[in-house]
């Protein structure tokens, strides 16, 4: 007989409390962990031999008095959140990782799910996918002019970079939804998986999921270019073919949004160029200098008052000085050019961190910790000296 799995069956012990999977998922919608319309909890981590833990404001925090998870408990949890096909994969002698999604109907929340094995046994991570697209005005970008310039673009490549969990998808969703609300355009998205659901407003939006509606990002992008789009969102530039198509689309009159996993704006430029053979570097730099519009590189930094995290952003715009550096592949001078051209709408990570520290929004320790350049230490020391 096939085992029946119940979302509300108590299976996990935390002190004197027996918790169900539904009780654990309820953490994501607990008012104590909300900031505005967004949850301060981004992920749930479960593995054999450790307590169930949640990532709250970037810190991994175990459930209070939570017991170590056993193989029996984790398999019951997975029985609830995986479909039959994935459960069959899990039962194989040498199972591969499983990427999936889960809709928690009672809580009105969707999750992205990855199941894997480590040395102790089974493990999985659930990431909450927000159903609410925040207004771009509320995200906390360094200035209003940044997002107004981007959402008014007719063509060009806009990259949002940062580490996993830094809010890249949220920023792009807010930018695209502003276009959707206030411009009459055709928007096509290619995502893995689809995270935010757009409702067509002034624009017409089609969202396509890699692995379901299209096989690959590059294949979906090639198809999208035949579908008369104005705006294209490519969830991530992962390979040379996708990069080539994205650059060509931006160059030929489309507004293209995408993400990269780099820690700063300068790194995004070199990452794209490094995807190609060395003999193509010169032509690639030339094409990038014409196609690129902006790079937003972001981090989420804990607030000084402990109320959550705040967006900190580095902004690169393809002004003539930057375009010349890209054409020559002179990455070393990109940072200093950004630093001295704030009037052009650019800002380094250190300048934004310094501003937030100066106004008491983040602590000195976190300003230094999240900086990309050691020069911020001297800037803060100068601020402190001036304050005395």
Protein backbone atom coordinates (compact mmCIF):
# COMPACT_ATOMS: atom_id res chain seq x y z
CA UNK A 1 0.00 0.00 0.00
CA UNK A 2 1.25 3.45 -0.89
CA UNK A 3 2.02 5.53 2.18
CA UNK A 4 -0.21 8.54 2.73
CA UNK A 5 1.48 11.78 3.75
CA UNK A 6 -0.41 14.40 5.77
CA UNK A 7 0.70 18.03 5.90
CA UNK A 8 -0.83 18.38 9.37
CA UNK A 9 0.54 15.15 10.88
CA UNK A 10 2.90 15.96 13.83
CA UNK A 11 6.29 14.55 12.83
CA UNK A 12 8.96 16.82 14.29
CA UNK A 13 9.73 17.39 17.95
CA UNK A 14 10.74 20.84 19.21
CA UNK A 15 11.00 20.77 23.00
CA UNK A 16 7.60 19.68 24.29
CA UNK A 17 5.88 20.52 20.99
CA UNK A 18 5.19 18.05 18.20
CA UNK A 19 5.19 19.98 14.93
CA UNK A 20 3.75 19.11 11.53
CA UNK A 21 5.16 20.16 8.17
CA UNK A 22 2.34 22.70 8.07
CA UNK A 23 3.54 24.16 11.40
CA UNK A 24 7.07 24.54 9.99
CA UNK A 25 5.87 26.21 6.80
CA UNK A 26 3.81 28.62 8.91
CA UNK A 27 7.07 30.31 9.96
CA UNK A 28 7.18 31.88 6.49
CA UNK A 29 3.89 33.76 7.11
CA UNK A 30 4.33 34.41 10.84
CA UNK A 31 3.72 38.16 11.51
CA UNK A 32 6.73 38.14 13.83
CA UNK A 33 8.95 37.52 10.82
CA UNK A 34 7.40 39.99 8.39
CA UNK A 35 8.78 43.28 7.13
CA UNK A 36 6.07 45.09 5.24
CA UNK A 37 4.70 42.64 2.69
CA UNK A 38 7.86 40.51 2.65
CA UNK A 39 8.99 37.71 4.93
CA UNK A 40 12.31 38.08 6.73
CA UNK A 41 12.67 34.29 6.32
CA UNK A 42 14.00 33.30 2.91
CA UNK A 43 14.78 29.56 3.27
CA UNK A 44 14.16 26.44 5.31
CA UNK A 45 17.11 24.02 5.60
CA UNK A 46 16.56 20.40 6.59
CA UNK A 47 19.19 17.66 6.83
CA UNK A 48 19.66 14.41 8.69
CA UNK A 49 21.43 14.89 12.02
CA UNK A 50 20.65 18.61 12.50
CA UNK A 51 17.62 20.61 13.69
CA UNK A 52 15.33 22.20 11.12
CA UNK A 53 16.71 25.70 10.51
CA UNK A 54 15.47 28.90 8.88
CA UNK A 55 17.47 31.66 7.21
CA UNK A 56 16.27 34.81 8.97
CA UNK A 57 17.84 38.08 7.80
CA UNK A 58 20.74 36.03 6.35
CA UNK A 59 21.46 34.13 9.61
CA UNK A 60 20.75 30.38 9.73
CA UNK A 61 18.69 29.89 12.90
CA UNK A 62 17.51 26.49 14.26
CA UNK A 63 13.93 25.99 15.45
CA UNK A 64 14.00 26.59 19.24
CA UNK A 65 14.72 23.29 21.02
CA UNK A 66 14.40 21.49 17.70
CA UNK A 67 15.45 17.85 17.62
CA UNK A 68 17.97 16.50 15.12
CA UNK A 69 16.15 15.38 11.99
CA UNK A 70 16.10 11.61 11.36
CA UNK A 71 15.98 9.84 8.00
CA UNK A 72 12.39 8.79 8.72
CA UNK A 73 11.29 12.37 9.44
CA UNK A 74 12.95 13.88 6.37
CA UNK A 75 11.48 11.22 4.09
CA UNK A 76 8.01 11.95 5.47
CA UNK A 77 8.53 15.67 4.81
CA UNK A 78 9.61 14.95 1.26
CA UNK A 79 6.60 12.67 0.79
CA UNK A 80 4.44 15.76 1.35
CA UNK A 81 6.25 18.19 -0.92
CA UNK A 82 7.46 16.01 -3.83
CA UNK A 83 5.35 14.55 -6.63
CA UNK A 84 5.30 10.81 -7.44
CA UNK A 85 7.90 11.10 -10.20
CA UNK A 86 10.39 12.80 -7.90
CA UNK A 87 9.68 10.32 -5.09
CA UNK A 88 10.56 7.51 -7.51
CA UNK A 89 13.85 9.28 -8.29
CA UNK A 90 14.50 9.59 -4.55
CA UNK A 91 14.02 5.83 -4.13
CA UNK A 92 16.74 4.95 -6.66
CA UNK A 93 20.02 3.47 -5.43
CA UNK A 94 22.08 6.40 -6.73
CA UNK A 95 19.60 9.28 -6.91
CA UNK A 96 20.52 12.58 -8.48
CA UNK A 97 19.67 15.99 -7.06
CA UNK A 98 16.03 16.97 -7.45
CA UNK A 99 14.94 20.49 -8.43
CA UNK A 100 11.25 21.08 -7.95
CA UNK A 101 8.61 23.45 -6.68
CA UNK A 102 5.90 23.23 -4.05
CA UNK A 103 2.68 25.20 -3.65
CA UNK A 104 1.50 25.50 -0.05
CA UNK A 105 -2.15 26.20 -0.78
CA UNK A 106 -3.21 26.89 2.82
CA UNK A 107 -0.56 29.59 3.25
CA UNK A 108 -0.79 30.95 -0.28
CA UNK A 109 2.98 30.56 -0.72
CA UNK A 110 5.10 28.93 -3.43
CA UNK A 111 8.56 27.45 -2.88
CA UNK A 112 11.56 26.48 -4.95
CA UNK A 113 12.95 23.17 -3.72
CA UNK A 114 16.28 21.35 -4.02
CA UNK A 115 16.80 17.84 -2.61
CA UNK A 116 20.26 16.29 -2.35
CA UNK A 117 22.44 13.85 -0.42
CA UNK A 118 25.42 14.69 1.77
CA UNK A 119 27.64 12.46 3.93
CA UNK A 120 24.99 12.26 6.66
CA UNK A 121 22.11 11.37 4.34
CA UNK A 122 19.22 13.27 2.84
CA UNK A 123 18.93 17.04 2.88
CA UNK A 124 16.75 19.67 1.23
CA UNK A 125 16.33 23.43 1.01
CA UNK A 126 13.06 25.27 0.40
CA UNK A 127 13.20 28.89 -0.77
CA UNK A 128 10.08 31.01 -0.50
CA UNK A 129 8.95 32.68 -3.73
CA UNK A 130 7.12 35.88 -2.92
CA UNK A 131 3.74 36.27 -4.59
CA UNK A 132 3.89 40.04 -4.12
CA UNK A 133 5.89 42.16 -6.54
CA UNK A 134 7.01 45.20 -4.55
CA UNK A 135 6.68 48.66 -6.04
CA UNK A 136 10.03 49.83 -7.36
CA UNK A 137 9.69 52.98 -5.22
CA UNK A 138 9.80 50.88 -2.02
CA UNK A 139 12.86 48.74 -2.77
CA UNK A 140 15.39 51.27 -1.50
CA UNK A 141 17.46 51.92 -4.63
CA UNK A 142 20.07 54.67 -4.04
CA UNK A 143 18.04 57.20 -6.05
CA UNK A 144 14.76 57.45 -7.91
CA UNK A 145 16.58 58.50 -11.07
CA UNK A 146 18.25 55.08 -11.32
CA UNK A 147 15.04 53.12 -11.78
CA UNK A 148 13.36 55.85 -13.83
CA UNK A 149 16.24 55.80 -16.32
CA UNK A 150 16.14 52.00 -16.60
CA UNK A 151 12.37 51.62 -16.95
CA UNK A 152 12.27 54.25 -19.70
CA UNK A 153 14.88 52.47 -21.85
CA UNK A 154 13.84 51.26 -25.31
CA UNK A 155 16.88 49.04 -25.83
CA UNK A 156 20.00 47.80 -24.10
CA UNK A 157 21.17 45.13 -21.66
CA UNK A 158 20.47 45.63 -17.94
CA UNK A 159 22.29 43.23 -15.60
CA UNK A 160 21.48 42.74 -11.94
CA UNK A 161 24.25 40.91 -10.11
CA UNK A 162 24.96 39.60 -6.64
CA UNK A 163 25.30 36.40 -4.67
CA UNK A 164 22.45 33.93 -4.19
CA UNK A 165 19.79 35.40 -1.92
CA UNK A 166 20.74 39.04 -2.50
CA UNK A 167 17.35 39.96 -3.98
CA UNK A 168 18.24 40.06 -7.68
CA UNK A 169 14.95 38.51 -8.80
CA UNK A 170 12.96 40.93 -6.66
CA UNK A 171 14.72 43.96 -8.13
CA UNK A 172 14.21 42.80 -11.73
CA UNK A 173 10.57 41.88 -11.06
CA UNK A 174 9.91 45.36 -9.67
CA UNK A 175 11.59 47.01 -12.68
CA UNK A 176 9.72 44.86 -15.20
CA UNK A 177 6.40 45.33 -13.44
CA UNK A 178 6.83 49.10 -13.57
CA UNK A 179 7.25 48.79 -17.35
CA UNK A 180 4.24 46.46 -17.41
CA UNK A 181 2.09 49.01 -15.57
CA UNK A 182 3.06 52.20 -17.37
CA UNK A 183 4.25 51.30 -20.89
CA UNK A 184 2.50 49.60 -23.82
CA UNK A 185 5.01 46.87 -24.58
CA UNK A 186 5.33 43.13 -25.25
CA UNK A 187 7.22 41.43 -22.42
CA UNK A 188 8.55 37.86 -22.58
CA UNK A 189 10.28 36.22 -19.60
CA UNK A 190 12.41 33.05 -19.55
CA UNK A 191 12.83 31.75 -16.00
CA UNK A 192 13.99 28.71 -14.04
CA UNK A 193 11.64 28.54 -12.22
CA UNK A 194 9.02 31.25 -12.67
CA UNK A 195 9.14 33.17 -9.40
CA UNK A 196 6.94 36.27 -9.56
CA UNK A 197 3.68 36.08 -11.49
CA UNK A 198 3.02 39.14 -13.65
CA UNK A 199 -0.51 40.18 -14.52
CA UNK A 200 -0.64 41.91 -17.89
CA UNK A 201 -1.60 45.56 -17.44
CA UNK A 202 -0.59 48.23 -19.97
CA UNK A 203 1.80 45.64 -21.43
CA UNK A 204 1.19 42.06 -22.59
CA UNK A 205 3.30 39.59 -20.60
CA UNK A 206 4.19 35.97 -21.44
CA UNK A 207 6.17 33.97 -18.88
CA UNK A 208 7.95 30.77 -19.93
CA UNK A 209 9.65 28.25 -17.67
CA UNK A 210 12.86 26.52 -18.67
CA UNK A 211 12.38 22.75 -18.65
CA UNK A 212 8.62 23.11 -19.04
CA UNK A 213 7.81 25.61 -21.79
CA UNK A 214 11.30 25.78 -23.31
CA UNK A 215 14.27 23.44 -23.02
CA UNK A 216 17.04 25.98 -22.34
CA UNK A 217 17.55 29.70 -21.80
CA UNK A 218 19.31 30.00 -25.16
CA UNK A 219 16.58 28.09 -26.98
CA UNK A 220 13.87 30.15 -25.33
CA UNK A 221 15.70 33.39 -26.14
CA UNK A 222 16.13 32.38 -29.77
CA UNK A 223 12.39 31.68 -29.93
CA UNK A 224 11.51 34.94 -28.13
CA UNK A 225 13.36 36.98 -30.74
CA UNK A 226 10.83 35.72 -33.33
CA UNK A 227 7.87 36.76 -31.17
CA UNK A 228 8.10 40.55 -31.59
CA UNK A 229 9.05 41.42 -27.98
CA UNK A 230 9.98 44.84 -26.65
CA UNK A 231 11.28 43.59 -23.30
CA UNK A 232 12.94 40.23 -22.62
CA UNK A 233 13.90 38.85 -19.22
CA UNK A 234 16.44 36.01 -19.25
CA UNK A 235 16.59 34.55 -15.74
CA UNK A 236 20.35 34.03 -15.86
CA UNK A 237 23.16 34.24 -18.41
CA UNK A 238 24.81 30.87 -17.87
CA UNK A 239 26.69 30.15 -21.06
CA UNK A 240 28.28 31.59 -24.18
CA UNK A 241 25.27 30.99 -26.42
CA UNK A 242 22.84 32.76 -24.08
CA UNK A 243 25.28 35.67 -23.69
CA UNK A 244 25.62 36.00 -27.48
CA UNK A 245 21.87 36.06 -28.01
CA UNK A 246 21.27 38.50 -25.13
CA UNK A 247 23.88 40.93 -26.47
CA UNK A 248 22.52 40.66 -30.00
CA UNK A 249 18.95 41.23 -28.80
CA UNK A 250 20.00 44.34 -26.86
CA UNK A 251 21.98 45.61 -29.84
CA UNK A 252 19.09 45.16 -32.26
CA UNK A 253 16.51 47.19 -30.38
CA UNK A 254 15.25 45.15 -27.43
CA UNK A 255 15.41 45.91 -23.71
CA UNK A 256 16.97 42.82 -22.11
CA UNK A 257 17.13 42.11 -18.38
CA UNK A 258 19.23 39.31 -16.88
CA UNK A 259 21.23 38.28 -13.82
CA UNK A 260 24.77 37.14 -13.11
CA UNK A 261 26.41 35.79 -9.96
CA UNK A 262 29.19 38.33 -9.40
CA UNK A 263 30.03 40.39 -6.33
CA UNK A 264 30.43 43.72 -8.13
CA UNK A 265 29.60 45.56 -11.34
CA UNK A 266 33.11 45.35 -12.72
CA UNK A 267 33.05 41.57 -12.30
CA UNK A 268 29.91 41.33 -14.42
CA UNK A 269 31.74 42.80 -17.40
CA UNK A 270 34.73 40.48 -17.16
CA UNK A 271 32.46 37.46 -16.48
CA UNK A 272 30.67 37.89 -19.80
CA UNK A 273 33.89 38.41 -21.74
CA UNK A 274 35.49 35.38 -20.06
CA UNK A 275 32.69 33.13 -21.35
CA UNK A 276 34.24 33.43 -24.83
CA UNK A 277 37.55 32.24 -26.33
CA UNK A 278 40.46 34.68 -26.01
CA UNK A 279 40.53 35.35 -29.76
CA UNK A 280 37.01 36.81 -29.53
CA UNK A 281 37.78 39.18 -26.65
CA UNK A 282 38.31 42.29 -28.79
CA UNK A 283 35.09 41.90 -30.79
CA UNK A 284 33.16 40.90 -27.64
CA UNK A 285 34.30 44.00 -25.75
CA UNK A 286 33.24 46.14 -28.70
CA UNK A 287 29.79 44.54 -28.82
CA UNK A 288 29.37 44.80 -25.04
CA UNK A 289 30.26 48.50 -25.13
CA UNK A 290 27.38 49.11 -27.55
CA UNK A 291 24.83 46.70 -26.02
CA UNK A 292 25.21 47.29 -22.29
CA UNK A 293 23.04 49.89 -20.59
CA UNK A 294 23.47 49.40 -16.83
CA UNK A 295 24.75 47.01 -14.18
CA UNK A 296 23.19 46.96 -10.72
CA UNK A 297 25.22 44.94 -8.22
CA UNK A 298 23.47 44.43 -4.91
CA UNK A 299 23.68 43.04 -1.39
CA UNK A 300 21.28 42.83 1.54
CA UNK A 301 22.88 44.23 4.71
CA UNK A 302 21.48 43.91 8.27
CA UNK A 303 20.01 47.12 9.66
CA UNK A 304 21.59 48.59 12.77
CA UNK A 305 18.29 48.41 14.68
CA UNK A 306 17.88 44.67 14.00
CA UNK A 307 14.63 45.14 12.06
CA UNK A 308 15.77 43.25 8.97
CA UNK A 309 18.03 43.98 6.01
CA UNK A 310 18.39 46.90 3.63
CA UNK A 311 19.33 46.92 -0.04
CA UNK A 312 22.82 48.22 -0.78
CA UNK A 313 23.65 48.73 -4.43
CA UNK A 314 26.48 49.53 -6.80
CA UNK A 315 25.37 51.25 -10.01
CA UNK A 316 27.33 51.25 -13.28
CA UNK A 317 25.99 53.11 -16.32
CA UNK A 318 27.43 52.80 -19.78
CA UNK A 319 28.38 56.46 -20.15
CA UNK A 320 31.09 57.35 -22.74
CA UNK A 321 33.95 56.96 -20.23
CA UNK A 322 32.77 53.49 -19.21
CA UNK A 323 32.11 52.50 -22.82
CA UNK A 324 35.70 53.33 -23.70
CA UNK A 325 37.02 51.19 -20.82
CA UNK A 326 34.85 48.28 -21.95
CA UNK A 327 36.08 48.52 -25.55
CA UNK A 328 39.69 48.37 -24.38
CA UNK A 329 39.03 45.73 -21.69
CA UNK A 330 40.50 48.04 -19.09
CA UNK A 331 38.62 46.64 -16.09
CA UNK A 332 41.06 48.09 -13.53
CA UNK A 333 39.84 51.64 -14.11
CA UNK A 334 36.10 50.89 -14.02
CA UNK A 335 35.83 51.29 -10.24
CA UNK A 336 37.60 54.65 -10.06
CA UNK A 337 35.53 55.96 -12.98
CA UNK A 338 32.31 54.97 -11.24
CA UNK A 339 33.51 56.62 -8.05
CA UNK A 340 34.17 59.97 -9.70
CA UNK A 341 31.05 60.13 -11.88
CA UNK A 342 28.20 60.24 -9.38
CA UNK A 343 26.67 63.10 -11.40
CA UNK A 344 26.15 60.55 -14.17
CA UNK A 345 24.07 58.42 -11.77
CA UNK A 346 26.79 55.97 -10.82
CA UNK A 347 27.70 54.79 -7.33
CA UNK A 348 30.12 52.27 -5.87
CA UNK A 349 29.19 49.79 -3.16
CA UNK A 350 31.48 51.62 -0.77
CA UNK A 351 29.81 54.97 -1.40
CA UNK A 352 26.38 53.54 -0.65
CA UNK A 353 27.63 51.71 2.47
CA UNK A 354 29.30 54.89 3.69
CA UNK A 355 26.08 56.86 3.18
CA UNK A 356 24.00 54.31 5.12
CA UNK A 357 26.53 54.16 7.97
CA UNK A 358 26.73 57.96 8.15
CA UNK A 359 22.94 58.08 8.64
CA UNK A 360 22.94 55.34 11.28
CA UNK A 361 21.06 52.82 9.15
CA UNK A 362 23.78 50.14 9.25
CA UNK A 363 26.55 49.50 11.76
CA UNK A 364 30.23 50.21 11.22
CA UNK A 365 31.02 46.49 11.46
CA UNK A 366 28.53 45.54 8.74
CA UNK A 367 29.60 48.43 6.51
CA UNK A 368 33.16 47.10 6.56
CA UNK A 369 32.10 43.44 6.32
CA UNK A 370 29.98 43.96 3.20
CA UNK A 371 32.40 46.29 1.41
CA UNK A 372 34.19 45.11 -1.75
CA UNK A 373 37.15 47.45 -1.24
CA UNK A 374 39.27 47.99 1.89
CA UNK A 375 39.22 51.75 1.20
CA UNK A 376 35.95 51.98 3.13
CA UNK A 377 37.84 51.53 6.42
CA UNK A 378 39.74 54.79 5.82
CA UNK A 379 36.54 56.59 4.81
CA UNK A 380 34.78 55.56 7.99
CA UNK A 381 37.79 56.55 10.09
CA UNK A 382 37.66 59.99 8.44
CA UNK A 383 33.93 60.29 9.19
CA UNK A 384 34.54 59.42 12.83
CA UNK A 385 37.38 61.93 13.08
CA UNK A 386 35.19 64.68 11.61
CA UNK A 387 32.41 63.84 14.09
CA UNK A 388 34.68 64.41 17.10
